[in-house]
Amino acid sequence: MEFHGSFLELQAAVEKLGVPCHWEHRHDFESAFFDDGVSNLKLNWWPSTGVIQMVGDPEVRDERWRLLQELLKQ
């Protein structure tokens, strides 16, 4: 998936997932680490290309990924 909005727009969408997370800048991409105490989910976003991906525990990831995709389409 690609997201070509702003970093603030992405942060707002991730916040709507209702899961605490913290962001870290990693070289040429931004990462959100979900602090849910259950999974090891992480969201990576490369602003230069718009590529966005979510990695981690598939039992939790799939539903959160689906919700995030819906939020980013709004």
PDB file of N, CA and C in Angstrom:
ATOM      1  N   MET A   1       0.844  -1.172   0.000  1.00  0.00           N
ATOM      2  CA  MET A   1       0.000   0.000   0.000  1.00  0.00           C
ATOM      3  C   MET A   1       0.891   1.237   0.000  1.00  0.00           C
ATOM      4  N   GLU A   2       0.352   2.327  -0.535  1.00  0.00           N
ATOM      5  CA  GLU A   2       1.074   3.593  -0.521  1.00  0.00           C
ATOM      6  C   GLU A   2       0.218   4.664   0.150  1.00  0.00           C
ATOM      7  N   PHE A   3       0.896   5.570   0.841  1.00  0.00           N
ATOM      8  CA  PHE A   3       0.260   6.711   1.479  1.00  0.00           C
ATOM      9  C   PHE A   3       1.098   7.932   1.163  1.00  0.00           C
ATOM     10  N   HIS A   4       0.493   8.919   0.509  1.00  0.00           N
ATOM     11  CA  HIS A   4       1.235  10.108   0.086  1.00  0.00           C
ATOM     12  C   HIS A   4       0.811  11.366   0.834  1.00  0.00           C
ATOM     13  N   GLY A   5       0.176  11.189   1.980  1.00  0.00           N
ATOM     14  CA  GLY A   5      -0.194  12.329   2.800  1.00  0.00           C
ATOM     15  C   GLY A   5       0.978  12.765   3.670  1.00  0.00           C
ATOM     16  N   SER A   6       0.672  13.550   4.680  1.00  0.00           N
ATOM     17  CA  SER A   6       1.712  14.048   5.581  1.00  0.00           C
ATOM     18  C   SER A   6       1.934  13.086   6.748  1.00  0.00           C
ATOM     19  N   PHE A   7       3.054  13.279   7.404  1.00  0.00           N
ATOM     20  CA  PHE A   7       3.372  12.485   8.585  1.00  0.00           C
ATOM     21  C   PHE A   7       2.305  12.707   9.662  1.00  0.00           C
ATOM     22  N   LEU A   8       1.851  13.926   9.824  1.00  0.00           N
ATOM     23  CA  LEU A   8       0.817  14.217  10.824  1.00  0.00           C
ATOM     24  C   LEU A   8      -0.496  13.510  10.497  1.00  0.00           C
ATOM     25  N   GLU A   9      -0.830  13.427   9.217  1.00  0.00           N
ATOM     26  CA  GLU A   9      -2.049  12.705   8.814  1.00  0.00           C
ATOM     27  C   GLU A   9      -1.924  11.214   9.130  1.00  0.00           C
ATOM     28  N   LEU A  10      -0.759  10.661   8.883  1.00  0.00           N
ATOM     29  CA  LEU A  10      -0.535   9.247   9.185  1.00  0.00           C
ATOM     30  C   LEU A  10      -0.606   9.009  10.684  1.00  0.00           C
ATOM     31  N   GLN A  11       0.032   9.874  11.458  1.00  0.00           N
ATOM     32  CA  GLN A  11      -0.013   9.732  12.917  1.00  0.00           C
ATOM     33  C   GLN A  11      -1.457   9.782  13.423  1.00  0.00           C
ATOM     34  N   ALA A  12      -2.259  10.686  12.884  1.00  0.00           N
ATOM     35  CA  ALA A  12      -3.654  10.810  13.302  1.00  0.00           C
ATOM     36  C   ALA A  12      -4.438   9.536  12.984  1.00  0.00           C
ATOM     37  N   ALA A  13      -4.204   8.958  11.811  1.00  0.00           N
ATOM     38  CA  ALA A  13      -4.898   7.721  11.434  1.00  0.00           C
ATOM     39  C   ALA A  13      -4.484   6.574  12.353  1.00  0.00           C
ATOM     40  N   VAL A  14      -3.200   6.458  12.625  1.00  0.00           N
ATOM     41  CA  VAL A  14      -2.711   5.390  13.508  1.00  0.00           C
ATOM     42  C   VAL A  14      -3.295   5.566  14.908  1.00  0.00           C
ATOM     43  N   GLU A  15      -3.405   6.801  15.372  1.00  0.00           N
ATOM     44  CA  GLU A  15      -3.968   7.070  16.689  1.00  0.00           C
ATOM     45  C   GLU A  15      -5.412   6.582  16.780  1.00  0.00           C
ATOM     46  N   LYS A  16      -6.156   6.668  15.672  1.00  0.00           N
ATOM     47  CA  LYS A  16      -7.549   6.223  15.649  1.00  0.00           C
ATOM     48  C   LYS A  16      -7.693   4.714  15.798  1.00  0.00           C
ATOM     49  N   LEU A  17      -6.594   3.985  15.664  1.00  0.00           N
ATOM     50  CA  LEU A  17      -6.647   2.537  15.886  1.00  0.00           C
ATOM     51  C   LEU A  17      -6.866   2.225  17.363  1.00  0.00           C
ATOM     52  N   GLY A  18      -6.588   3.207  18.228  1.00  0.00           N
ATOM     53  CA  GLY A  18      -6.825   3.031  19.651  1.00  0.00           C
ATOM     54  C   GLY A  18      -5.783   2.198  20.369  1.00  0.00           C
ATOM     55  N   VAL A  19      -4.610   2.074  19.780  1.00  0.00           N
ATOM     56  CA  VAL A  19      -3.529   1.288  20.379  1.00  0.00           C
ATOM     57  C   VAL A  19      -2.354   2.223  20.640  1.00  0.00           C
ATOM     58  N   PRO A  20      -1.858   2.272  21.877  1.00  0.00           N
ATOM     59  CA  PRO A  20      -0.709   3.139  22.144  1.00  0.00           C
ATOM     60  C   PRO A  20       0.482   2.744  21.280  1.00  0.00           C
ATOM     61  N   CYS A  21       1.207   3.738  20.808  1.00  0.00           N
ATOM     62  CA  CYS A  21       2.416   3.467  20.036  1.00  0.00           C
ATOM     63  C   CYS A  21       3.379   4.628  20.192  1.00  0.00           C
ATOM     64  N   HIS A  22       4.610   4.380  19.853  1.00  0.00           N
ATOM     65  CA  HIS A  22       5.596   5.457  19.822  1.00  0.00           C
ATOM     66  C   HIS A  22       6.282   5.413  18.467  1.00  0.00           C
ATOM     67  N   TRP A  23       6.686   6.595  17.996  1.00  0.00           N
ATOM     68  CA  TRP A  23       7.280   6.750  16.672  1.00  0.00           C
ATOM     69  C   TRP A  23       8.776   6.952  16.787  1.00  0.00           C
ATOM     70  N   GLU A  24       9.492   6.407  15.826  1.00  0.00           N
ATOM     71  CA  GLU A  24      10.935   6.625  15.724  1.00  0.00           C
ATOM     72  C   GLU A  24      11.294   6.890  14.268  1.00  0.00           C
ATOM     73  N   HIS A  25      12.189   7.844  14.078  1.00  0.00           N
ATOM     74  CA  HIS A  25      12.697   8.124  12.739  1.00  0.00           C
ATOM     75  C   HIS A  25      13.862   7.175  12.487  1.00  0.00           C
ATOM     76  N   ARG A  26      13.814   6.430  11.395  1.00  0.00           N
ATOM     77  CA  ARG A  26      14.841   5.448  11.055  1.00  0.00           C
ATOM     78  C   ARG A  26      15.390   5.755   9.670  1.00  0.00           C
ATOM     79  N   HIS A  27      16.511   6.414   9.600  1.00  0.00           N
ATOM     80  CA  HIS A  27      17.158   6.742   8.326  1.00  0.00           C
ATOM     81  C   HIS A  27      16.180   7.437   7.381  1.00  0.00           C
ATOM     82  N   ASP A  28      15.672   6.719   6.371  1.00  0.00           N
ATOM     83  CA  ASP A  28      14.769   7.356   5.407  1.00  0.00           C
ATOM     84  C   ASP A  28      13.311   6.924   5.581  1.00  0.00           C
ATOM     85  N   PHE A  29      12.977   6.370   6.735  1.00  0.00           N
ATOM     86  CA  PHE A  29      11.588   5.992   6.978  1.00  0.00           C
ATOM     87  C   PHE A  29      11.198   6.264   8.423  1.00  0.00           C
ATOM     88  N   GLU A  30       9.900   6.253   8.662  1.00  0.00           N
ATOM     89  CA  GLU A  30       9.324   6.458   9.993  1.00  0.00           C
ATOM     90  C   GLU A  30       8.733   5.132  10.458  1.00  0.00           C
ATOM     91  N   SER A  31       8.888   4.827  11.736  1.00  0.00           N
ATOM     92  CA  SER A  31       8.340   3.597  12.291  1.00  0.00           C
ATOM     93  C   SER A  31       7.471   3.897  13.495  1.00  0.00           C
ATOM     94  N   ALA A  32       6.328   3.224  13.557  1.00  0.00           N
ATOM     95  CA  ALA A  32       5.457   3.264  14.731  1.00  0.00           C
ATOM     96  C   ALA A  32       5.537   1.897  15.391  1.00  0.00           C
ATOM     97  N   PHE A  33       5.924   1.876  16.643  1.00  0.00           N
ATOM     98  CA  PHE A  33       5.993   0.649  17.417  1.00  0.00           C
ATOM     99  C   PHE A  33       4.773   0.605  18.330  1.00  0.00           C
ATOM    100  N   PHE A  34       3.937  -0.418  18.145  1.00  0.00           N
ATOM    101  CA  PHE A  34       2.707  -0.531  18.923  1.00  0.00           C
ATOM    102  C   PHE A  34       3.024  -1.100  20.301  1.00  0.00           C
ATOM    103  N   ASP A  35       2.621  -0.353  21.328  1.00  0.00           N
ATOM    104  CA  ASP A  35       2.911  -0.720  22.711  1.00  0.00           C
ATOM    105  C   ASP A  35       1.681  -1.359  23.350  1.00  0.00           C
ATOM    106  N   ASP A  36       1.244  -2.474  22.779  1.00  0.00           N
ATOM    107  CA  ASP A  36       0.029  -3.109  23.278  1.00  0.00           C
ATOM    108  C   ASP A  36       0.307  -4.232  24.273  1.00  0.00           C
ATOM    109  N   GLY A  37       1.564  -4.598  24.471  1.00  0.00           N
ATOM    110  CA  GLY A  37       1.905  -5.654  25.420  1.00  0.00           C
ATOM    111  C   GLY A  37       1.521  -7.045  24.963  1.00  0.00           C
ATOM    112  N   VAL A  38       1.014  -7.164  23.732  1.00  0.00           N
ATOM    113  CA  VAL A  38       0.539  -8.453  23.230  1.00  0.00           C
ATOM    114  C   VAL A  38       1.298  -8.871  21.971  1.00  0.00           C
ATOM    115  N   SER A  39       1.454  -7.934  21.063  1.00  0.00           N
ATOM    116  CA  SER A  39       2.054  -8.273  19.772  1.00  0.00           C
ATOM    117  C   SER A  39       3.380  -7.541  19.603  1.00  0.00           C
ATOM    118  N   ASN A  40       4.009  -7.796  18.499  1.00  0.00           N
ATOM    119  CA  ASN A  40       5.262  -7.107  18.148  1.00  0.00           C
ATOM    120  C   ASN A  40       5.052  -6.272  16.882  1.00  0.00           C
ATOM    121  N   LEU A  41       3.882  -5.646  16.772  1.00  0.00           N
ATOM    122  CA  LEU A  41       3.545  -4.916  15.555  1.00  0.00           C
ATOM    123  C   LEU A  41       4.364  -3.654  15.394  1.00  0.00           C
ATOM    124  N   LYS A  42       4.713  -3.413  14.132  1.00  0.00           N
ATOM    125  CA  LYS A  42       5.441  -2.203  13.770  1.00  0.00           C
ATOM    126  C   LYS A  42       4.944  -1.754  12.403  1.00  0.00           C
ATOM    127  N   LEU A  43       4.769  -0.448  12.261  1.00  0.00           N
ATOM    128  CA  LEU A  43       4.369   0.153  11.004  1.00  0.00           C
ATOM    129  C   LEU A  43       5.560   0.916  10.452  1.00  0.00           C
ATOM    130  N   ASN A  44       5.895   0.691   9.200  1.00  0.00           N
ATOM    131  CA  ASN A  44       6.985   1.419   8.539  1.00  0.00           C
ATOM    132  C   ASN A  44       6.410   2.230   7.389  1.00  0.00           C
ATOM    133  N   TRP A  45       6.911   3.467   7.256  1.00  0.00           N
ATOM    134  CA  TRP A  45       6.456   4.350   6.172  1.00  0.00           C
ATOM    135  C   TRP A  45       7.641   5.104   5.597  1.00  0.00           C
ATOM    136  N   TRP A  46       7.790   5.008   4.275  1.00  0.00           N
ATOM    137  CA  TRP A  46       8.829   5.714   3.540  1.00  0.00           C
ATOM    138  C   TRP A  46       8.183   6.909   2.852  1.00  0.00           C
ATOM    139  N   PRO A  47       8.330   8.126   3.402  1.00  0.00           N
ATOM    140  CA  PRO A  47       7.681   9.300   2.818  1.00  0.00           C
ATOM    141  C   PRO A  47       8.080   9.576   1.376  1.00  0.00           C
ATOM    142  N   SER A  48       9.302   9.267   1.007  1.00  0.00           N
ATOM    143  CA  SER A  48       9.759   9.580  -0.352  1.00  0.00           C
ATOM    144  C   SER A  48       9.044   8.754  -1.414  1.00  0.00           C
ATOM    145  N   THR A  49       8.633   7.546  -1.070  1.00  0.00           N
ATOM    146  CA  THR A  49       7.945   6.676  -2.031  1.00  0.00           C
ATOM    147  C   THR A  49       6.471   6.471  -1.692  1.00  0.00           C
ATOM    148  N   GLY A  50       6.111   6.734  -0.435  1.00  0.00           N
ATOM    149  CA  GLY A  50       4.745   6.504   0.020  1.00  0.00           C
ATOM    150  C   GLY A  50       4.490   5.088   0.481  1.00  0.00           C
ATOM    151  N   VAL A  51       5.452   4.202   0.336  1.00  0.00           N
ATOM    152  CA  VAL A  51       5.259   2.800   0.718  1.00  0.00           C
ATOM    153  C   VAL A  51       5.023   2.714   2.224  1.00  0.00           C
ATOM    154  N   ILE A  52       3.990   1.970   2.581  1.00  0.00           N
ATOM    155  CA  ILE A  52       3.661   1.755   3.981  1.00  0.00           C
ATOM    156  C   ILE A  52       3.427   0.266   4.187  1.00  0.00           C
ATOM    157  N   GLN A  53       3.952  -0.251   5.289  1.00  0.00           N
ATOM    158  CA  GLN A  53       3.771  -1.672   5.579  1.00  0.00           C
ATOM    159  C   GLN A  53       3.633  -1.873   7.076  1.00  0.00           C
ATOM    160  N   MET A  54       2.942  -2.940   7.448  1.00  0.00           N
ATOM    161  CA  MET A  54       2.810  -3.312   8.844  1.00  0.00           C
ATOM    162  C   MET A  54       3.360  -4.720   8.984  1.00  0.00           C
ATOM    163  N   VAL A  55       4.250  -4.889   9.945  1.00  0.00           N
ATOM    164  CA  VAL A  55       4.869  -6.195  10.162  1.00  0.00           C
ATOM    165  C   VAL A  55       4.647  -6.611  11.611  1.00  0.00           C
ATOM    166  N   GLY A  56       4.670  -7.919  11.830  1.00  0.00           N
ATOM    167  CA  GLY A  56       4.509  -8.454  13.176  1.00  0.00           C
ATOM    168  C   GLY A  56       3.493  -9.578  13.216  1.00  0.00           C
ATOM    169  N   ASP A  57       3.025  -9.862  14.387  1.00  0.00           N
ATOM    170  CA  ASP A  57       2.114 -10.960  14.688  1.00  0.00           C
ATOM    171  C   ASP A  57       0.879 -10.927  13.784  1.00  0.00           C
ATOM    172  N   PRO A  58       0.733 -11.914  12.885  1.00  0.00           N
ATOM    173  CA  PRO A  58      -0.391 -11.888  11.938  1.00  0.00           C
ATOM    174  C   PRO A  58      -1.762 -11.982  12.601  1.00  0.00           C
ATOM    175  N   GLU A  59      -1.846 -12.577  13.786  1.00  0.00           N
ATOM    176  CA  GLU A  59      -3.136 -12.692  14.455  1.00  0.00           C
ATOM    177  C   GLU A  59      -3.696 -11.327  14.831  1.00  0.00           C
ATOM    178  N   VAL A  60      -2.827 -10.370  15.083  1.00  0.00           N
ATOM    179  CA  VAL A  60      -3.239  -9.013  15.436  1.00  0.00           C
ATOM    180  C   VAL A  60      -3.094  -8.089  14.234  1.00  0.00           C
ATOM    181  N   ARG A  61      -2.058  -8.298  13.462  1.00  0.00           N
ATOM    182  CA  ARG A  61      -1.716  -7.412  12.345  1.00  0.00           C
ATOM    183  C   ARG A  61      -2.824  -7.291  11.312  1.00  0.00           C
ATOM    184  N   ASP A  62      -3.388  -8.396  10.890  1.00  0.00           N
ATOM    185  CA  ASP A  62      -4.337  -8.374   9.778  1.00  0.00           C
ATOM    186  C   ASP A  62      -5.523  -7.452  10.032  1.00  0.00           C
ATOM    187  N   GLU A  63      -6.102  -7.517  11.224  1.00  0.00           N
ATOM    188  CA  GLU A  63      -7.255  -6.673  11.533  1.00  0.00           C
ATOM    189  C   GLU A  63      -6.848  -5.204  11.636  1.00  0.00           C
ATOM    190  N   ARG A  64      -5.740  -4.912  12.278  1.00  0.00           N
ATOM    191  CA  ARG A  64      -5.288  -3.515  12.400  1.00  0.00           C
ATOM    192  C   ARG A  64      -4.900  -2.949  11.031  1.00  0.00           C
ATOM    193  N   TRP A  65      -4.320  -3.768  10.196  1.00  0.00           N
ATOM    194  CA  TRP A  65      -3.941  -3.329   8.851  1.00  0.00           C
ATOM    195  C   TRP A  65      -5.185  -2.978   8.045  1.00  0.00           C
ATOM    196  N   ARG A  66      -6.205  -3.820   8.140  1.00  0.00           N
ATOM    197  CA  ARG A  66      -7.466  -3.567   7.439  1.00  0.00           C
ATOM    198  C   ARG A  66      -8.090  -2.251   7.914  1.00  0.00           C
ATOM    199  N   LEU A  67      -8.111  -2.038   9.221  1.00  0.00           N
ATOM    200  CA  LEU A  67      -8.678  -0.803   9.773  1.00  0.00           C
ATOM    201  C   LEU A  67      -7.883   0.417   9.326  1.00  0.00           C
ATOM    202  N   LEU A  68      -6.559   0.314   9.349  1.00  0.00           N
ATOM    203  CA  LEU A  68      -5.722   1.437   8.933  1.00  0.00           C
ATOM    204  C   LEU A  68      -5.956   1.766   7.464  1.00  0.00           C
ATOM    205  N   GLN A  69      -6.068   0.757   6.629  1.00  0.00           N
ATOM    206  CA  GLN A  69      -6.326   1.007   5.209  1.00  0.00           C
ATOM    207  C   GLN A  69      -7.631   1.774   5.029  1.00  0.00           C
ATOM    208  N   GLU A  70      -8.660   1.419   5.776  1.00  0.00           N
ATOM    209  CA  GLU A  70      -9.936   2.128   5.702  1.00  0.00           C
ATOM    210  C   GLU A  70      -9.776   3.573   6.158  1.00  0.00           C
ATOM    211  N   LEU A  71      -9.054   3.787   7.240  1.00  0.00           N
ATOM    212  CA  LEU A  71      -8.845   5.145   7.751  1.00  0.00           C
ATOM    213  C   LEU A  71      -8.083   6.019   6.774  1.00  0.00           C
ATOM    214  N   LEU A  72      -7.113   5.455   6.086  1.00  0.00           N
ATOM    215  CA  LEU A  72      -6.304   6.236   5.165  1.00  0.00           C
ATOM    216  C   LEU A  72      -7.026   6.556   3.862  1.00  0.00           C
ATOM    217  N   LYS A  73      -8.101   5.826   3.563  1.00  0.00           N
ATOM    218  CA  LYS A  73      -8.871   6.098   2.353  1.00  0.00           C
ATOM    219  C   LYS A  73      -9.836   7.264   2.548  1.00  0.00           C
ATOM    220  N   GLN A  74     -10.107   7.631   3.796  1.00  0.00           N
ATOM    221  CA  GLN A  74     -11.081   8.696   4.092  1.00  0.00           C
ATOM    222  C   GLN A  74     -10.550  10.050   3.716  1.00  0.00           C
TER     223      GLN A  74
END
